[in-house]
All heavy atoms as atom14 arrays in JSON, in Angstrom:
{
  "sequence": "SAAAVTSPELVQQLDAMTHDVADMRNRVEQFAAKQEQTGQNIETL",
  "atom14_mask": [
    [1, 1, 1, 1, 1, 1, 0, 0, 0, 0, 0, 0, 0, 0],
    [1, 1, 1, 1, 1, 0, 0, 0, 0, 0, 0, 0, 0, 0],
    [1, 1, 1, 1, 1, 0, 0, 0, 0, 0, 0, 0, 0, 0],
    [1, 1, 1, 1, 1, 0, 0, 0, 0, 0, 0, 0, 0, 0],
    [1, 1, 1, 1, 1, 1, 1, 0, 0, 0, 0, 0, 0, 0],
    [1, 1, 1, 1, 1, 1, 1, 0, 0, 0, 0, 0, 0, 0],
    [1, 1, 1, 1, 1, 1, 0, 0, 0, 0, 0, 0, 0, 0],
    [1, 1, 1, 1, 1, 1, 1, 0, 0, 0, 0, 0, 0, 0],
    [1, 1, 1, 1, 1, 1, 1, 1, 1, 0, 0, 0, 0, 0],
    [1, 1, 1, 1, 1, 1, 1, 1, 0, 0, 0, 0, 0, 0],
    [1, 1, 1, 1, 1, 1, 1, 0, 0, 0, 0, 0, 0, 0],
    [1, 1, 1, 1, 1, 1, 1, 1, 1, 0, 0, 0, 0, 0],
    [1, 1, 1, 1, 1, 1, 1, 1, 1, 0, 0, 0, 0, 0],
    [1, 1, 1, 1, 1, 1, 1, 1, 0, 0, 0, 0, 0, 0],
    [1, 1, 1, 1, 1, 1, 1, 1, 0, 0, 0, 0, 0, 0],
    [1, 1, 1, 1, 1, 0, 0, 0, 0, 0, 0, 0, 0, 0],
    [1, 1, 1, 1, 1, 1, 1, 1, 0, 0, 0, 0, 0, 0],
    [1, 1, 1, 1, 1, 1, 1, 0, 0, 0, 0, 0, 0, 0],
    [1, 1, 1, 1, 1, 1, 1, 1, 1, 1, 0, 0, 0, 0],
    [1, 1, 1, 1, 1, 1, 1, 1, 0, 0, 0, 0, 0, 0],
    [1, 1, 1, 1, 1, 1, 1, 0, 0, 0, 0, 0, 0, 0],
    [1, 1, 1, 1, 1, 0, 0, 0, 0, 0, 0, 0, 0, 0],
    [1, 1, 1, 1, 1, 1, 1, 1, 0, 0, 0, 0, 0, 0],
    [1, 1, 1, 1, 1, 1, 1, 1, 0, 0, 0, 0, 0, 0],
    [1, 1, 1, 1, 1, 1, 1, 1, 1, 1, 1, 0, 0, 0],
    [1, 1, 1, 1, 1, 1, 1, 1, 0, 0, 0, 0, 0, 0],
    [1, 1, 1, 1, 1, 1, 1, 1, 1, 1, 1, 0, 0, 0],
    [1, 1, 1, 1, 1, 1, 1, 0, 0, 0, 0, 0, 0, 0],
    [1, 1, 1, 1, 1, 1, 1, 1, 1, 0, 0, 0, 0, 0],
    [1, 1, 1, 1, 1, 1, 1, 1, 1, 0, 0, 0, 0, 0],
    [1, 1, 1, 1, 1, 1, 1, 1, 1, 1, 1, 0, 0, 0],
    [1, 1, 1, 1, 1, 0, 0, 0, 0, 0, 0, 0, 0, 0],
    [1, 1, 1, 1, 1, 0, 0, 0, 0, 0, 0, 0, 0, 0],
    [1, 1, 1, 1, 1, 1, 1, 1, 1, 0, 0, 0, 0, 0],
    [1, 1, 1, 1, 1, 1, 1, 1, 1, 0, 0, 0, 0, 0],
    [1, 1, 1, 1, 1, 1, 1, 1, 1, 0, 0, 0, 0, 0],
    [1, 1, 1, 1, 1, 1, 1, 1, 1, 0, 0, 0, 0, 0],
    [1, 1, 1, 1, 1, 1, 1, 0, 0, 0, 0, 0, 0, 0],
    [1, 1, 1, 1, 0, 0, 0, 0, 0, 0, 0, 0, 0, 0],
    [1, 1, 1, 1, 1, 1, 1, 1, 1, 0, 0, 0, 0, 0],
    [1, 1, 1, 1, 1, 1, 1, 1, 0, 0, 0, 0, 0, 0],
    [1, 1, 1, 1, 1, 1, 1, 1, 0, 0, 0, 0, 0, 0],
    [1, 1, 1, 1, 1, 1, 1, 1, 1, 0, 0, 0, 0, 0],
    [1, 1, 1, 1, 1, 1, 1, 0, 0, 0, 0, 0, 0, 0],
    [1, 1, 1, 1, 1, 1, 1, 1, 0, 0, 0, 0, 0, 0]
  ],
  "atom14_positions": [
    [[-60.08, -149.96, 124.67], [-60.19, -148.51, 124.65], [-58.85, -147.85, 124.33], [-58.81, -146.77, 123.76], [-60.71, -148.0, 126.0], [-59.77, -148.33, 127.01], [0.0, 0.0, 0.0], [0.0, 0.0, 0.0], [0.0, 0.0, 0.0], [0.0, 0.0, 0.0], [0.0, 0.0, 0.0], [0.0, 0.0, 0.0], [0.0, 0.0, 0.0], [0.0, 0.0, 0.0]],
    [[-57.71, -148.5, 124.63], [-56.39, -147.93, 124.35], [-56.16, -147.84, 122.85], [-55.6, -146.87, 122.34], [-55.29, -148.75, 125.0], [0.0, 0.0, 0.0], [0.0, 0.0, 0.0], [0.0, 0.0, 0.0], [0.0, 0.0, 0.0], [0.0, 0.0, 0.0], [0.0, 0.0, 0.0], [0.0, 0.0, 0.0], [0.0, 0.0, 0.0], [0.0, 0.0, 0.0]],
    [[-56.56, -148.84, 122.09], [-56.38, -148.84, 120.65], [-57.26, -147.78, 120.01], [-56.87, -147.15, 119.04], [-56.7, -150.21, 120.08], [0.0, 0.0, 0.0], [0.0, 0.0, 0.0], [0.0, 0.0, 0.0], [0.0, 0.0, 0.0], [0.0, 0.0, 0.0], [0.0, 0.0, 0.0], [0.0, 0.0, 0.0], [0.0, 0.0, 0.0], [0.0, 0.0, 0.0]],
    [[-58.43, -147.55, 120.55], [-59.35, -146.57, 119.99], [-58.87, -145.15, 120.23], [-59.09, -144.28, 119.42], [-60.74, -146.77, 120.57], [0.0, 0.0, 0.0], [0.0, 0.0, 0.0], [0.0, 0.0, 0.0], [0.0, 0.0, 0.0], [0.0, 0.0, 0.0], [0.0, 0.0, 0.0], [0.0, 0.0, 0.0], [0.0, 0.0, 0.0], [0.0, 0.0, 0.0]],
    [[-58.19, -144.91, 121.37], [-57.76, -143.56, 121.71], [-56.59, -143.13, 120.82], [-56.55, -142.02, 120.34], [-57.35, -143.49, 123.2], [-56.69, -142.16, 123.52], [-58.55, -143.7, 124.07], [0.0, 0.0, 0.0], [0.0, 0.0, 0.0], [0.0, 0.0, 0.0], [0.0, 0.0, 0.0], [0.0, 0.0, 0.0], [0.0, 0.0, 0.0], [0.0, 0.0, 0.0]],
    [[-55.63, -144.0, 120.59], [-54.44, -143.62, 119.84], [-54.56, -143.84, 118.34], [-53.78, -143.32, 117.59], [-53.23, -144.42, 120.36], [-53.51, -145.79, 120.18], [-52.94, -144.09, 121.79], [0.0, 0.0, 0.0], [0.0, 0.0, 0.0], [0.0, 0.0, 0.0], [0.0, 0.0, 0.0], [0.0, 0.0, 0.0], [0.0, 0.0, 0.0], [0.0, 0.0, 0.0]],
    [[-55.47, -144.55, 117.88], [-55.54, -144.98, 116.5], [-55.64, -143.83, 115.49], [-54.82, -143.76, 114.59], [-56.69, -145.95, 116.33], [-56.88, -146.27, 114.99], [0.0, 0.0, 0.0], [0.0, 0.0, 0.0], [0.0, 0.0, 0.0], [0.0, 0.0, 0.0], [0.0, 0.0, 0.0], [0.0, 0.0, 0.0], [0.0, 0.0, 0.0], [0.0, 0.0, 0.0]],
    [[-56.57, -142.88, 115.54], [-56.66, -141.86, 114.5], [-55.45, -140.93, 114.49], [-54.94, -140.57, 113.42], [-57.92, -141.07, 114.81], [-58.67, -141.85, 115.83], [-57.73, -142.81, 116.45], [0.0, 0.0, 0.0], [0.0, 0.0, 0.0], [0.0, 0.0, 0.0], [0.0, 0.0, 0.0], [0.0, 0.0, 0.0], [0.0, 0.0, 0.0], [0.0, 0.0, 0.0]],
    [[-54.94, -140.52, 115.61], [-53.78, -139.64, 115.67], [-52.53, -140.34, 115.16], [-51.74, -139.78, 114.41], [-53.56, -139.14, 117.1], [-54.64, -138.24, 117.6], [-54.46, -137.91, 119.08], [-53.51, -138.43, 119.7], [-55.28, -137.15, 119.59], [0.0, 0.0, 0.0], [0.0, 0.0, 0.0], [0.0, 0.0, 0.0], [0.0, 0.0, 0.0], [0.0, 0.0, 0.0]],
    [[-52.38, -141.58, 115.6], [-51.2, -142.33, 115.2], [-51.2, -142.64, 113.71], [-50.15, -142.61, 113.05], [-51.08, -143.63, 116.0], [-50.67, -143.47, 117.45], [-50.66, -144.82, 118.13], [-49.32, -142.82, 117.57], [0.0, 0.0, 0.0], [0.0, 0.0, 0.0], [0.0, 0.0, 0.0], [0.0, 0.0, 0.0], [0.0, 0.0, 0.0], [0.0, 0.0, 0.0]],
    [[-52.34, -142.91, 113.16], [-52.43, -143.2, 111.72], [-52.02, -141.97, 110.93], [-51.28, -142.05, 109.95], [-53.85, -143.68, 111.35], [-54.03, -143.72, 109.83], [-54.13, -145.04, 111.95], [0.0, 0.0, 0.0], [0.0, 0.0, 0.0], [0.0, 0.0, 0.0], [0.0, 0.0, 0.0], [0.0, 0.0, 0.0], [0.0, 0.0, 0.0], [0.0, 0.0, 0.0]],
    [[-52.48, -140.77, 111.35], [-52.1, -139.53, 110.67], [-50.59, -139.3, 110.76], [-49.94, -138.94, 109.79], [-52.83, -138.34, 111.29], [-54.23, -138.16, 110.75], [-54.85, -136.89, 111.34], [-54.45, -136.41, 112.4], [-55.85, -136.38, 110.65], [0.0, 0.0, 0.0], [0.0, 0.0, 0.0], [0.0, 0.0, 0.0], [0.0, 0.0, 0.0], [0.0, 0.0, 0.0]],
    [[-50.06, -139.48, 111.97], [-48.62, -139.28, 112.17], [-47.81, -140.29, 111.36], [-46.8, -139.94, 110.74], [-48.26, -139.39, 113.66], [-48.77, -138.24, 114.48], [-48.46, -138.42, 115.97], [-47.83, -139.41, 116.35], [-48.91, -137.49, 116.79], [0.0, 0.0, 0.0], [0.0, 0.0, 0.0], [0.0, 0.0, 0.0], [0.0, 0.0, 0.0], [0.0, 0.0, 0.0]],
    [[-48.26, -141.52, 111.37], [-47.57, -142.56, 110.63], [-47.61, -142.28, 109.12], [-46.6, -142.45, 108.42], [-48.19, -143.93, 110.94], [-47.46, -145.13, 110.37], [-46.03, -145.17, 110.89], [-48.18, -146.4, 110.73], [0.0, 0.0, 0.0], [0.0, 0.0, 0.0], [0.0, 0.0, 0.0], [0.0, 0.0, 0.0], [0.0, 0.0, 0.0], [0.0, 0.0, 0.0]],
    [[-48.75, -141.83, 108.6], [-48.85, -141.47, 107.18], [-47.91, -140.31, 106.84], [-47.23, -140.32, 105.8], [-50.28, -141.09, 106.81], [-51.2, -142.31, 106.73], [-50.67, -143.44, 106.65], [-52.43, -142.12, 106.74], [0.0, 0.0, 0.0], [0.0, 0.0, 0.0], [0.0, 0.0, 0.0], [0.0, 0.0, 0.0], [0.0, 0.0, 0.0], [0.0, 0.0, 0.0]],
    [[-47.86, -139.31, 107.72], [-47.0, -138.15, 107.48], [-45.53, -138.58, 107.48], [-44.74, -138.14, 106.63], [-47.25, -137.08, 108.53], [0.0, 0.0, 0.0], [0.0, 0.0, 0.0], [0.0, 0.0, 0.0], [0.0, 0.0, 0.0], [0.0, 0.0, 0.0], [0.0, 0.0, 0.0], [0.0, 0.0, 0.0], [0.0, 0.0, 0.0], [0.0, 0.0, 0.0]],
    [[-45.16, -139.42, 108.42], [-43.78, -139.9, 108.49], [-43.42, -140.74, 107.27], [-42.33, -140.63, 106.72], [-43.55, -140.7, 109.76], [-43.44, -139.88, 110.99], [-43.07, -141.02, 112.32], [-43.12, -139.89, 113.68], [0.0, 0.0, 0.0], [0.0, 0.0, 0.0], [0.0, 0.0, 0.0], [0.0, 0.0, 0.0], [0.0, 0.0, 0.0], [0.0, 0.0, 0.0]],
    [[-44.31, -141.57, 106.83], [-44.07, -142.4, 105.65], [-43.86, -141.52, 104.42], [-42.97, -141.76, 103.61], [-45.26, -143.36, 105.43], [-45.47, -144.11, 106.61], [-45.01, -144.28, 104.26], [0.0, 0.0, 0.0], [0.0, 0.0, 0.0], [0.0, 0.0, 0.0], [0.0, 0.0, 0.0], [0.0, 0.0, 0.0], [0.0, 0.0, 0.0], [0.0, 0.0, 0.0]],
    [[-44.7, -140.48, 104.32], [-44.57, -139.54, 103.2], [-43.22, -138.83, 103.28], [-42.54, -138.67, 102.25], [-45.73, -138.55, 103.23], [-45.72, -137.59, 102.09], [-45.95, -137.97, 100.8], [-45.5, -136.25, 102.06], [-45.86, -136.92, 100.02], [-45.6, -135.85, 100.76], [0.0, 0.0, 0.0], [0.0, 0.0, 0.0], [0.0, 0.0, 0.0], [0.0, 0.0, 0.0]],
    [[-42.82, -138.39, 104.47], [-41.53, -137.71, 104.64], [-40.36, -138.62, 104.28], [-39.4, -138.2, 103.64], [-41.37, -137.19, 106.08], [-42.26, -135.99, 106.36], [-42.77, -135.39, 105.4], [-42.43, -135.66, 107.56], [0.0, 0.0, 0.0], [0.0, 0.0, 0.0], [0.0, 0.0, 0.0], [0.0, 0.0, 0.0], [0.0, 0.0, 0.0], [0.0, 0.0, 0.0]],
    [[-40.41, -139.87, 104.71], [-39.35, -140.82, 104.4], [-39.27, -141.05, 102.89], [-38.18, -141.1, 102.31], [-39.57, -142.16, 105.17], [-38.65, -143.24, 104.65], [-39.38, -141.95, 106.65], [0.0, 0.0, 0.0], [0.0, 0.0, 0.0], [0.0, 0.0, 0.0], [0.0, 0.0, 0.0], [0.0, 0.0, 0.0], [0.0, 0.0, 0.0], [0.0, 0.0, 0.0]],
    [[-40.41, -141.14, 102.22], [-40.42, -141.33, 100.76], [-39.81, -140.12, 100.07], [-39.05, -140.26, 99.1], [-41.85, -141.57, 100.27], [0.0, 0.0, 0.0], [0.0, 0.0, 0.0], [0.0, 0.0, 0.0], [0.0, 0.0, 0.0], [0.0, 0.0, 0.0], [0.0, 0.0, 0.0], [0.0, 0.0, 0.0], [0.0, 0.0, 0.0], [0.0, 0.0, 0.0]],
    [[-40.16, -138.91, 100.57], [-39.57, -137.69, 100.01], [-38.05, -137.69, 100.19], [-37.31, -137.34, 99.27], [-40.16, -136.43, 100.65], [-41.53, -136.09, 100.1], [-41.9, -136.64, 99.04], [-42.22, -135.25, 100.73], [0.0, 0.0, 0.0], [0.0, 0.0, 0.0], [0.0, 0.0, 0.0], [0.0, 0.0, 0.0], [0.0, 0.0, 0.0], [0.0, 0.0, 0.0]],
    [[-37.59, -138.05, 101.38], [-36.15, -138.07, 101.65], [-35.45, -139.07, 100.74], [-34.39, -138.77, 100.19], [-35.89, -138.45, 103.11], [-36.25, -137.37, 104.06], [-34.91, -136.25, 104.17], [-34.86, -136.05, 105.91], [0.0, 0.0, 0.0], [0.0, 0.0, 0.0], [0.0, 0.0, 0.0], [0.0, 0.0, 0.0], [0.0, 0.0, 0.0], [0.0, 0.0, 0.0]],
    [[-36.03, -140.24, 100.57], [-35.44, -141.27, 99.73], [-35.34, -140.75, 98.28], [-34.32, -140.93, 97.61], [-36.26, -142.55, 99.79], [-35.66, -143.68, 98.97], [-36.4, -144.98, 99.12], [-36.25, -145.46, 100.48], [-37.18, -146.13, 101.14], [-38.33, -146.4, 100.57], [-36.97, -146.55, 102.37], [0.0, 0.0, 0.0], [0.0, 0.0, 0.0], [0.0, 0.0, 0.0]],
    [[-36.41, -140.08, 97.82], [-36.41, -139.53, 96.47], [-35.33, -138.47, 96.32], [-34.61, -138.44, 95.32], [-37.79, -138.93, 96.18], [-37.96, -138.58, 94.71], [-37.18, -139.01, 93.88], [-38.97, -137.8, 94.41], [0.0, 0.0, 0.0], [0.0, 0.0, 0.0], [0.0, 0.0, 0.0], [0.0, 0.0, 0.0], [0.0, 0.0, 0.0], [0.0, 0.0, 0.0]],
    [[-35.16, -137.6, 97.32], [-34.13, -136.57, 97.26], [-32.73, -137.18, 97.26], [-31.84, -136.7, 96.56], [-34.27, -135.6, 98.43], [-35.46, -134.69, 98.29], [-35.52, -133.69, 99.41], [-36.78, -133.01, 99.39], [-37.45, -132.61, 100.46], [-36.96, -132.85, 101.66], [-38.59, -131.99, 100.35], [0.0, 0.0, 0.0], [0.0, 0.0, 0.0], [0.0, 0.0, 0.0]],
    [[-32.52, -138.21, 98.06], [-31.21, -138.88, 98.1], [-30.91, -139.5, 96.73], [-29.78, -139.39, 96.23], [-31.17, -139.94, 99.23], [-29.97, -140.85, 99.08], [-31.18, -139.26, 100.58], [0.0, 0.0, 0.0], [0.0, 0.0, 0.0], [0.0, 0.0, 0.0], [0.0, 0.0, 0.0], [0.0, 0.0, 0.0], [0.0, 0.0, 0.0], [0.0, 0.0, 0.0]],
    [[-31.9, -140.11, 96.11], [-31.69, -140.7, 94.78], [-31.37, -139.63, 93.75], [-30.49, -139.82, 92.9], [-32.91, -141.52, 94.37], [-33.09, -142.8, 95.15], [-34.41, -143.5, 94.86], [-35.23, -142.97, 94.07], [-34.63, -144.58, 95.43], [0.0, 0.0, 0.0], [0.0, 0.0, 0.0], [0.0, 0.0, 0.0], [0.0, 0.0, 0.0], [0.0, 0.0, 0.0]],
    [[-32.07, -138.49, 93.82], [-31.8, -137.39, 92.89], [-30.38, -136.84, 93.11], [-29.66, -136.55, 92.16], [-32.83, -136.27, 93.06], [-34.2, -136.62, 92.52], [-35.21, -135.52, 92.8], [-34.94, -134.55, 93.5], [-36.41, -135.68, 92.24], [0.0, 0.0, 0.0], [0.0, 0.0, 0.0], [0.0, 0.0, 0.0], [0.0, 0.0, 0.0], [0.0, 0.0, 0.0]],
    [[-29.99, -136.7, 94.37], [-28.66, -136.2, 94.69], [-27.59, -137.15, 94.17], [-26.59, -136.73, 93.58], [-28.52, -136.02, 96.21], [-27.2, -135.48, 96.64], [-26.86, -134.16, 96.4], [-26.27, -136.3, 97.27], [-25.64, -133.66, 96.79], [-25.03, -135.82, 97.64], [-24.72, -134.49, 97.42], [0.0, 0.0, 0.0], [0.0, 0.0, 0.0], [0.0, 0.0, 0.0]],
    [[-27.8, -138.45, 94.36], [-26.83, -139.44, 93.87], [-26.74, -139.38, 92.35], [-25.65, -139.47, 91.77], [-27.24, -140.84, 94.34], [0.0, 0.0, 0.0], [0.0, 0.0, 0.0], [0.0, 0.0, 0.0], [0.0, 0.0, 0.0], [0.0, 0.0, 0.0], [0.0, 0.0, 0.0], [0.0, 0.0, 0.0], [0.0, 0.0, 0.0], [0.0, 0.0, 0.0]],
    [[-27.88, -139.2, 91.67], [-27.87, -139.11, 90.22], [-27.12, -137.86, 89.76], [-26.35, -137.9, 88.79], [-29.3, -139.09, 89.68], [0.0, 0.0, 0.0], [0.0, 0.0, 0.0], [0.0, 0.0, 0.0], [0.0, 0.0, 0.0], [0.0, 0.0, 0.0], [0.0, 0.0, 0.0], [0.0, 0.0, 0.0], [0.0, 0.0, 0.0], [0.0, 0.0, 0.0]],
    [[-27.31, -136.74, 90.47], [-26.59, -135.51, 90.12], [-25.09, -135.68, 90.34], [-24.28, -135.2, 89.55], [-27.1, -134.33, 90.95], [-28.43, -133.8, 90.48], [-28.86, -132.6, 91.29], [-30.21, -132.09, 90.85], [-30.66, -130.95, 91.66], [0.0, 0.0, 0.0], [0.0, 0.0, 0.0], [0.0, 0.0, 0.0], [0.0, 0.0, 0.0], [0.0, 0.0, 0.0]],
    [[-24.71, -136.35, 91.43], [-23.29, -136.58, 91.68], [-22.68, -137.44, 90.58], [-21.56, -137.19, 90.11], [-23.09, -137.26, 93.04], [-23.1, -136.32, 94.2], [-22.75, -137.04, 95.49], [-23.11, -138.19, 95.69], [-22.06, -136.34, 96.37], [0.0, 0.0, 0.0], [0.0, 0.0, 0.0], [0.0, 0.0, 0.0], [0.0, 0.0, 0.0], [0.0, 0.0, 0.0]],
    [[-23.39, -138.46, 90.16], [-22.89, -139.34, 89.1], [-22.74, -138.56, 87.79], [-21.72, -138.68, 87.1], [-23.85, -140.51, 88.9], [-23.36, -141.52, 87.88], [-24.3, -142.71, 87.74], [-25.1, -142.96, 88.66], [-24.22, -143.36, 86.69], [0.0, 0.0, 0.0], [0.0, 0.0, 0.0], [0.0, 0.0, 0.0], [0.0, 0.0, 0.0], [0.0, 0.0, 0.0]],
    [[-23.74, -137.71, 87.47], [-23.66, -136.91, 86.25], [-22.49, -135.93, 86.34], [-21.76, -135.74, 85.37], [-24.98, -136.15, 86.03], [-25.0, -135.33, 84.76], [-24.89, -136.18, 83.51], [-25.45, -137.26, 83.44], [-24.15, -135.7, 82.53], [0.0, 0.0, 0.0], [0.0, 0.0, 0.0], [0.0, 0.0, 0.0], [0.0, 0.0, 0.0], [0.0, 0.0, 0.0]],
    [[-22.29, -135.32, 87.5], [-21.18, -134.39, 87.68], [-19.85, -135.11, 87.51], [-18.93, -134.6, 86.87], [-21.25, -133.73, 89.07], [-22.5, -133.05, 89.19], [-20.13, -132.73, 89.28], [0.0, 0.0, 0.0], [0.0, 0.0, 0.0], [0.0, 0.0, 0.0], [0.0, 0.0, 0.0], [0.0, 0.0, 0.0], [0.0, 0.0, 0.0], [0.0, 0.0, 0.0]],
    [[-19.74, -136.31, 88.05], [-18.52, -137.1, 87.88], [-18.25, -137.41, 86.42], [-17.11, -137.33, 85.95], [0.0, 0.0, 0.0], [0.0, 0.0, 0.0], [0.0, 0.0, 0.0], [0.0, 0.0, 0.0], [0.0, 0.0, 0.0], [0.0, 0.0, 0.0], [0.0, 0.0, 0.0], [0.0, 0.0, 0.0], [0.0, 0.0, 0.0], [0.0, 0.0, 0.0]],
    [[-19.31, -137.75, 85.67], [-19.14, -138.03, 84.25], [-18.71, -136.76, 83.5], [-17.87, -136.82, 82.61], [-20.43, -138.58, 83.65], [-20.76, -139.98, 84.12], [-22.13, -140.45, 83.66], [-22.9, -139.7, 83.08], [-22.44, -141.71, 83.92], [0.0, 0.0, 0.0], [0.0, 0.0, 0.0], [0.0, 0.0, 0.0], [0.0, 0.0, 0.0], [0.0, 0.0, 0.0]],
    [[-19.3, -135.63, 83.87], [-18.92, -134.36, 83.23], [-17.46, -134.03, 83.5], [-16.74, -133.57, 82.61], [-19.81, -133.21, 83.72], [-21.23, -133.32, 83.19], [-21.51, -134.08, 82.29], [-22.14, -132.57, 83.78], [0.0, 0.0, 0.0], [0.0, 0.0, 0.0], [0.0, 0.0, 0.0], [0.0, 0.0, 0.0], [0.0, 0.0, 0.0], [0.0, 0.0, 0.0]],
    [[-17.01, -134.25, 84.73], [-15.62, -133.98, 85.08], [-14.69, -134.88, 84.29], [-13.67, -134.43, 83.76], [-15.41, -134.13, 86.61], [-16.09, -132.98, 87.34], [-13.92, -134.17, 86.95], [-16.11, -133.13, 88.84], [0.0, 0.0, 0.0], [0.0, 0.0, 0.0], [0.0, 0.0, 0.0], [0.0, 0.0, 0.0], [0.0, 0.0, 0.0], [0.0, 0.0, 0.0]],
    [[-15.03, -136.16, 84.17], [-14.2, -137.09, 83.4], [-14.13, -136.66, 81.93], [-13.06, -136.71, 81.31], [-14.76, -138.5, 83.5], [-14.57, -139.14, 84.86], [-15.26, -140.5, 84.97], [-15.86, -140.95, 83.98], [-15.18, -141.08, 86.06], [0.0, 0.0, 0.0], [0.0, 0.0, 0.0], [0.0, 0.0, 0.0], [0.0, 0.0, 0.0], [0.0, 0.0, 0.0]],
    [[-15.26, -136.21, 81.38], [-15.28, -135.76, 80.0], [-14.4, -134.53, 79.82], [-13.61, -134.45, 78.88], [-16.73, -135.42, 79.57], [-17.53, -136.59, 79.75], [-16.78, -134.98, 78.11], [0.0, 0.0, 0.0], [0.0, 0.0, 0.0], [0.0, 0.0, 0.0], [0.0, 0.0, 0.0], [0.0, 0.0, 0.0], [0.0, 0.0, 0.0], [0.0, 0.0, 0.0]],
    [[-14.5, -133.57, 80.74], [-13.68, -132.37, 80.67], [-12.19, -132.7, 80.8], [-11.35, -132.12, 80.11], [-14.09, -131.37, 81.75], [-15.44, -130.68, 81.53], [-15.8, -129.82, 82.74], [-15.42, -129.85, 80.27], [0.0, 0.0, 0.0], [0.0, 0.0, 0.0], [0.0, 0.0, 0.0], [0.0, 0.0, 0.0], [0.0, 0.0, 0.0], [0.0, 0.0, 0.0]]
  ]
}
């Protein structure tokens, strides 16, 4: 009965957290790419 009580709520929370972590990882990668591009622009200038 313990697995049945927590299962639907926990699955929703776990899915939301997984989605948030994926978004954060994507943002960090975009930020790193922008920093690299900015560094290249500075070197060119």
